[in-house]
């Protein structure tokens, strides 16, 4: 028996396609209890590992943004200091690109 349901986004499934979550639940129900418990434990571990990986990636992104902000702040402060002393604040002797 095919169930015609939409996926998580609400789109209609085409033909006799069954959503993957429905398939997973049906497959778990058909297994003996010990296998089901083991499969659920493994799925929980997989989901926890994915969550931890997402948190790690987010922390890396936040740290990279902080480092970049500190770098920009340092450069701006150095340019302000140099400009206050009347020094040349350009990094190149070539004219800056853009309209003049």
N, C-alpha and C. Protein backbone atom coordinates (compact mmCIF):
# COMPACT_ATOMS: atom_id res chain seq x y z
N UNK A 1 0.85 -1.16 0.00
CA UNK A 1 0.00 0.00 0.00
C UNK A 1 0.90 1.23 0.00
N UNK A 2 0.72 2.07 -0.97
CA UNK A 2 1.53 3.28 -1.07
C UNK A 2 0.77 4.45 -0.46
N UNK A 3 1.50 5.26 0.24
CA UNK A 3 0.90 6.44 0.85
C UNK A 3 1.39 7.64 0.07
N UNK A 4 0.47 8.45 -0.41
CA UNK A 4 0.86 9.62 -1.17
C UNK A 4 0.83 10.81 -0.23
N UNK A 5 2.00 11.11 0.34
CA UNK A 5 2.14 12.22 1.27
C UNK A 5 3.18 13.17 0.74
N UNK A 6 3.14 14.39 1.24
CA UNK A 6 4.17 15.35 0.88
C UNK A 6 5.39 15.15 1.75
N UNK A 7 6.49 15.69 1.32
CA UNK A 7 7.69 15.61 2.16
C UNK A 7 7.62 16.71 3.21
N UNK A 8 8.72 16.95 3.88
CA UNK A 8 8.73 17.91 4.99
C UNK A 8 8.41 19.33 4.53
N UNK A 9 8.60 19.62 3.24
CA UNK A 9 8.33 20.97 2.76
C UNK A 9 6.88 21.13 2.32
N UNK A 10 6.11 20.05 2.32
CA UNK A 10 4.71 20.13 1.95
C UNK A 10 4.46 19.82 0.49
N UNK A 11 5.49 19.52 -0.28
CA UNK A 11 5.29 19.17 -1.69
C UNK A 11 4.63 17.80 -1.78
N UNK A 12 3.85 17.60 -2.82
CA UNK A 12 3.20 16.31 -3.01
C UNK A 12 4.21 15.32 -3.56
N UNK A 13 4.14 14.11 -3.09
CA UNK A 13 5.01 13.06 -3.59
C UNK A 13 4.45 12.59 -4.92
N UNK A 14 5.32 12.20 -5.83
CA UNK A 14 4.83 11.77 -7.13
C UNK A 14 4.66 10.26 -7.14
N UNK A 15 3.57 9.79 -7.71
CA UNK A 15 3.32 8.35 -7.85
C UNK A 15 3.18 7.65 -6.52
N UNK A 16 3.88 6.53 -6.39
CA UNK A 16 3.78 5.70 -5.19
C UNK A 16 4.97 5.92 -4.25
N UNK A 17 5.49 7.10 -4.22
CA UNK A 17 6.64 7.39 -3.37
C UNK A 17 6.16 7.62 -1.94
N UNK A 18 6.85 6.99 -1.00
CA UNK A 18 6.52 7.13 0.40
C UNK A 18 7.62 7.95 1.05
N UNK A 19 7.29 8.83 1.97
CA UNK A 19 8.31 9.66 2.60
C UNK A 19 9.30 8.79 3.36
N UNK A 20 10.53 9.27 3.46
CA UNK A 20 11.57 8.47 4.09
C UNK A 20 11.29 8.25 5.58
N UNK A 21 10.69 9.24 6.26
CA UNK A 21 10.40 9.04 7.68
C UNK A 21 9.33 7.96 7.86
N UNK A 22 8.38 7.90 6.96
CA UNK A 22 7.36 6.86 7.03
C UNK A 22 8.00 5.50 6.82
N UNK A 23 8.90 5.43 5.84
CA UNK A 23 9.60 4.17 5.57
C UNK A 23 10.42 3.74 6.77
N UNK A 24 11.10 4.68 7.39
CA UNK A 24 11.94 4.35 8.55
C UNK A 24 11.09 3.82 9.70
N UNK A 25 9.96 4.46 9.95
CA UNK A 25 9.07 3.98 11.02
C UNK A 25 8.51 2.60 10.69
N UNK A 26 8.13 2.38 9.44
CA UNK A 26 7.60 1.09 9.04
C UNK A 26 8.66 0.00 9.17
N UNK A 27 9.90 0.32 8.80
CA UNK A 27 10.99 -0.65 8.90
C UNK A 27 11.28 -0.97 10.36
N UNK A 28 11.24 0.04 11.23
CA UNK A 28 11.49 -0.21 12.66
C UNK A 28 10.39 -1.07 13.27
N UNK A 29 9.16 -0.85 12.88
CA UNK A 29 8.05 -1.62 13.44
C UNK A 29 8.15 -3.09 13.05
N UNK A 30 8.75 -3.38 11.92
CA UNK A 30 8.86 -4.75 11.45
C UNK A 30 10.01 -5.52 12.12
N UNK A 31 10.90 -4.85 12.79
CA UNK A 31 12.06 -5.50 13.41
C UNK A 31 11.70 -6.03 14.80
N UNK A 32 12.45 -7.04 15.25
CA UNK A 32 12.29 -7.48 16.63
C UNK A 32 12.69 -6.34 17.58
N UNK A 33 12.17 -6.40 18.80
CA UNK A 33 12.37 -5.31 19.75
C UNK A 33 13.85 -4.99 19.99
N UNK A 34 14.69 -6.00 20.16
CA UNK A 34 16.11 -5.75 20.42
C UNK A 34 16.76 -4.99 19.27
N UNK A 35 16.42 -5.37 18.05
CA UNK A 35 16.95 -4.66 16.89
C UNK A 35 16.43 -3.23 16.85
N UNK A 36 15.16 -3.05 17.18
CA UNK A 36 14.56 -1.71 17.20
C UNK A 36 15.27 -0.82 18.21
N UNK A 37 15.49 -1.35 19.39
CA UNK A 37 16.16 -0.58 20.44
C UNK A 37 17.56 -0.20 19.99
N UNK A 38 18.28 -1.13 19.41
CA UNK A 38 19.64 -0.86 18.93
C UNK A 38 19.61 0.18 17.80
N UNK A 39 18.67 0.05 16.89
CA UNK A 39 18.54 1.00 15.78
C UNK A 39 18.20 2.40 16.31
N UNK A 40 17.33 2.47 17.29
CA UNK A 40 16.97 3.77 17.88
C UNK A 40 18.17 4.39 18.58
N UNK A 41 18.94 3.56 19.28
CA UNK A 41 20.14 4.06 19.97
C UNK A 41 21.15 4.60 18.96
N UNK A 42 21.36 3.85 17.89
CA UNK A 42 22.29 4.29 16.86
C UNK A 42 21.81 5.57 16.19
N UNK A 43 20.52 5.67 15.94
CA UNK A 43 19.95 6.88 15.34
C UNK A 43 20.13 8.07 16.28
N UNK A 44 19.91 7.86 17.57
CA UNK A 44 20.10 8.93 18.55
C UNK A 44 21.56 9.38 18.59
N UNK A 45 22.48 8.42 18.53
CA UNK A 45 23.91 8.75 18.51
C UNK A 45 24.26 9.54 17.26
N UNK A 46 23.71 9.13 16.12
CA UNK A 46 23.98 9.82 14.85
C UNK A 46 23.47 11.26 14.92
N UNK A 47 22.25 11.43 15.45
CA UNK A 47 21.67 12.76 15.55
C UNK A 47 22.48 13.64 16.51
N UNK A 48 22.95 13.06 17.61
CA UNK A 48 23.77 13.80 18.57
C UNK A 48 25.09 14.21 17.93
N UNK A 49 25.70 13.32 17.15
CA UNK A 49 26.96 13.65 16.47
C UNK A 49 26.73 14.78 15.46
N UNK A 50 25.62 14.74 14.74
CA UNK A 50 25.31 15.80 13.79
C UNK A 50 25.09 17.13 14.51
N UNK A 51 24.41 17.10 15.65
CA UNK A 51 24.16 18.31 16.43
C UNK A 51 25.48 18.90 16.92
N UNK A 52 26.36 18.03 17.43
CA UNK A 52 27.65 18.49 17.93
C UNK A 52 28.50 19.08 16.80
N UNK A 53 28.46 18.45 15.63
CA UNK A 53 29.20 18.96 14.47
C UNK A 53 28.67 20.33 14.06
N UNK A 54 27.35 20.50 14.06
CA UNK A 54 26.75 21.79 13.72
C UNK A 54 27.16 22.86 14.74
N UNK A 55 27.17 22.51 16.01
CA UNK A 55 27.60 23.46 17.05
C UNK A 55 29.07 23.84 16.88
N UNK A 56 29.91 22.85 16.55
CA UNK A 56 31.34 23.11 16.34
C UNK A 56 31.53 24.05 15.16
N UNK A 57 30.82 23.79 14.08
CA UNK A 57 30.94 24.64 12.89
C UNK A 57 30.47 26.06 13.18
N UNK A 58 29.39 26.20 13.94
CA UNK A 58 28.88 27.52 14.32
C UNK A 58 29.90 28.26 15.18
N UNK A 59 30.51 27.56 16.13
CA UNK A 59 31.52 28.18 16.99
C UNK A 59 32.73 28.63 16.15
N UNK A 60 33.13 27.83 15.18
CA UNK A 60 34.24 28.21 14.30
C UNK A 60 33.89 29.45 13.49
N UNK A 61 32.65 29.51 12.99
CA UNK A 61 32.20 30.66 12.21
C UNK A 61 32.21 31.93 13.06
N UNK A 62 31.69 31.82 14.27
CA UNK A 62 31.66 32.97 15.18
C UNK A 62 33.07 33.43 15.51
N UNK A 63 33.97 32.49 15.78
CA UNK A 63 35.36 32.84 16.09
C UNK A 63 36.03 33.50 14.89
N UNK A 64 35.80 33.00 13.69
CA UNK A 64 36.39 33.60 12.48
C UNK A 64 35.88 35.04 12.30
N UNK A 65 34.60 35.26 12.55
CA UNK A 65 34.05 36.62 12.46
C UNK A 65 34.69 37.53 13.51
N UNK A 66 34.89 37.03 14.72
CA UNK A 66 35.51 37.83 15.78
C UNK A 66 36.94 38.20 15.42
N UNK A 67 37.68 37.23 14.91
CA UNK A 67 39.07 37.46 14.51
C UNK A 67 39.12 38.50 13.39
N UNK A 68 38.24 38.38 12.41
CA UNK A 68 38.21 39.34 11.30
C UNK A 68 37.84 40.74 11.80
N UNK A 69 36.90 40.84 12.72
CA UNK A 69 36.51 42.14 13.28
C UNK A 69 37.69 42.76 14.04
N UNK A 70 38.42 41.95 14.79
CA UNK A 70 39.60 42.45 15.51
C UNK A 70 40.67 42.94 14.53
N UNK A 71 40.85 42.20 13.44
CA UNK A 71 41.84 42.59 12.43
C UNK A 71 41.47 43.92 11.80
N UNK A 72 40.20 44.07 11.44
CA UNK A 72 39.75 45.32 10.84
C UNK A 72 39.90 46.48 11.82
N UNK A 73 39.53 46.24 13.06
CA UNK A 73 39.65 47.28 14.09
C UNK A 73 41.11 47.71 14.26
N UNK A 74 42.01 46.75 14.28
CA UNK A 74 43.44 47.05 14.41
C UNK A 74 43.93 47.87 13.22
N UNK A 75 43.52 47.48 12.02
CA UNK A 75 43.94 48.22 10.82
C UNK A 75 43.40 49.65 10.84
N UNK A 76 42.14 49.80 11.22
CA UNK A 76 41.55 51.14 11.28
C UNK A 76 42.24 52.01 12.32
N UNK A 77 42.53 51.43 13.47
CA UNK A 77 43.22 52.19 14.51
C UNK A 77 44.62 52.61 14.06
N UNK A 78 45.32 51.72 13.38
CA UNK A 78 46.65 52.04 12.87
C UNK A 78 46.57 53.15 11.83
N UNK A 79 45.58 53.09 10.96
CA UNK A 79 45.42 54.13 9.94
C UNK A 79 45.07 55.47 10.58
N UNK A 80 44.23 55.47 11.59
CA UNK A 80 43.87 56.72 12.28
C UNK A 80 45.09 57.32 12.97
N UNK A 81 45.86 56.46 13.61
CA UNK A 81 47.06 56.92 14.31
C UNK A 81 48.04 57.53 13.31
N UNK A 82 48.26 56.84 12.20
CA UNK A 82 49.19 57.33 11.18
C UNK A 82 48.68 58.62 10.56
N UNK A 83 47.38 58.70 10.32
CA UNK A 83 46.81 59.91 9.73
C UNK A 83 46.94 61.08 10.70
N UNK A 84 46.81 60.82 11.98
CA UNK A 84 46.94 61.87 12.98
C UNK A 84 48.36 62.44 13.04
N UNK A 85 49.33 61.65 12.65
CA UNK A 85 50.73 62.10 12.64
C UNK A 85 51.12 62.64 11.27
N UNK A 86 50.17 62.63 10.33
CA UNK A 86 50.44 63.14 8.99
C UNK A 86 51.20 62.16 8.12
N UNK A 87 51.18 60.89 8.46
CA UNK A 87 51.89 59.89 7.67
C UNK A 87 51.02 59.44 6.50
N UNK A 88 51.68 58.86 5.50
CA UNK A 88 50.97 58.28 4.36
C UNK A 88 50.31 57.00 4.83
N UNK A 89 48.98 56.92 4.70
CA UNK A 89 48.25 55.74 5.19
C UNK A 89 47.94 54.74 4.09
N UNK A 90 48.37 55.01 2.85
CA UNK A 90 48.11 54.07 1.77
C UNK A 90 49.10 52.93 1.85
N UNK A 91 48.68 51.78 1.40
CA UNK A 91 49.58 50.62 1.43
C UNK A 91 50.30 50.46 0.10
N UNK A 92 49.91 51.24 -0.90
CA UNK A 92 50.50 51.10 -2.22
C UNK A 92 50.75 52.49 -2.79
N UNK A 93 51.71 52.62 -3.66
CA UNK A 93 51.98 53.90 -4.32
C UNK A 93 51.09 54.08 -5.55
N UNK A 94 50.35 53.03 -5.94
CA UNK A 94 49.45 53.13 -7.08
C UNK A 94 48.18 53.86 -6.64
N UNK A 95 47.56 54.59 -7.57
CA UNK A 95 46.31 55.26 -7.20
C UNK A 95 45.23 54.24 -6.88
N UNK A 96 44.34 54.62 -5.98
CA UNK A 96 43.25 53.73 -5.60
C UNK A 96 42.29 53.55 -6.77
N UNK A 97 41.75 52.35 -6.94
CA UNK A 97 40.79 52.14 -8.02
C UNK A 97 39.49 52.87 -7.73
N UNK A 98 38.77 53.14 -8.79
CA UNK A 98 37.47 53.79 -8.62
C UNK A 98 37.48 55.19 -9.18
N UNK A 99 36.35 55.87 -9.07
CA UNK A 99 36.23 57.23 -9.62
C UNK A 99 37.09 58.22 -8.84
N UNK A 100 37.54 59.21 -9.55
CA UNK A 100 38.40 60.23 -8.91
C UNK A 100 37.72 61.56 -8.90
